[in-house]
Amino acid sequence: MPQYKYRARDKEGVLQTGTMEARGREAVADQLSKQGVIPDRGENR
């Protein structure tokens, strides 16, 4: 699976960045949402 870089914000608006292995951008967004953060941007690494 490809690696994706992401940016997301928590409930307080604090920016979080990182990388995640996923099948696609939608999968990254879904996983981030499950973690309680709001996806800001995801791109293929």
Protein backbone atom coordinates (compact mmCIF):
# COMPACT_ATOMS: atom_id res chain seq x y z
CA MET A 1 0.00 0.00 0.00
CA PRO A 2 1.21 3.53 -0.68
CA GLN A 3 2.27 5.97 2.03
CA TYR A 4 0.33 9.23 2.37
CA LYS A 5 1.38 12.42 4.11
CA TYR A 6 -1.48 14.09 5.93
CA ARG A 7 -2.42 17.24 7.77
CA ALA A 8 -5.31 17.24 10.21
CA ARG A 9 -6.66 19.34 13.03
CA ASP A 10 -7.90 18.18 16.41
CA LYS A 11 -11.00 19.54 18.15
CA GLU A 12 -8.99 22.48 19.51
CA GLY A 13 -7.71 23.32 16.03
CA VAL A 14 -4.14 22.15 16.66
CA LEU A 15 -2.45 21.01 13.46
CA GLN A 16 -1.17 17.44 13.32
CA THR A 17 0.97 16.07 10.52
CA GLY A 18 2.27 12.64 9.73
CA THR A 19 2.32 9.74 7.32
CA MET A 20 -0.02 6.80 7.00
CA GLU A 21 -0.18 3.68 4.87
CA ALA A 22 -3.55 3.42 3.14
CA ARG A 23 -5.27 2.29 -0.05
CA GLY A 24 -6.21 5.86 -1.01
CA ARG A 25 -6.98 9.39 0.14
CA GLU A 26 -10.49 8.45 1.23
CA ALA A 27 -9.07 5.70 3.44
CA VAL A 28 -6.69 8.23 5.04
CA ALA A 29 -9.59 10.62 5.71
CA ASP A 30 -11.69 7.80 7.18
CA GLN A 31 -8.88 6.66 9.49
CA LEU A 32 -8.18 10.21 10.68
CA SER A 33 -11.87 10.78 11.36
CA LYS A 34 -11.95 7.61 13.46
CA GLN A 35 -9.03 9.05 15.45
CA GLY A 36 -11.12 12.15 16.19
CA VAL A 37 -9.25 14.62 14.00
CA ILE A 38 -10.46 16.58 10.99
CA PRO A 39 -8.54 15.84 7.80
CA ASP A 40 -7.06 18.97 6.24
CA ARG A 41 -5.00 17.52 3.42
CA GLY A 42 -3.64 14.15 2.30
CA GLU A 43 -1.26 13.51 -0.54
CA ASN A 44 0.62 10.56 -1.92
CA ARG A 45 4.15 10.47 -0.65
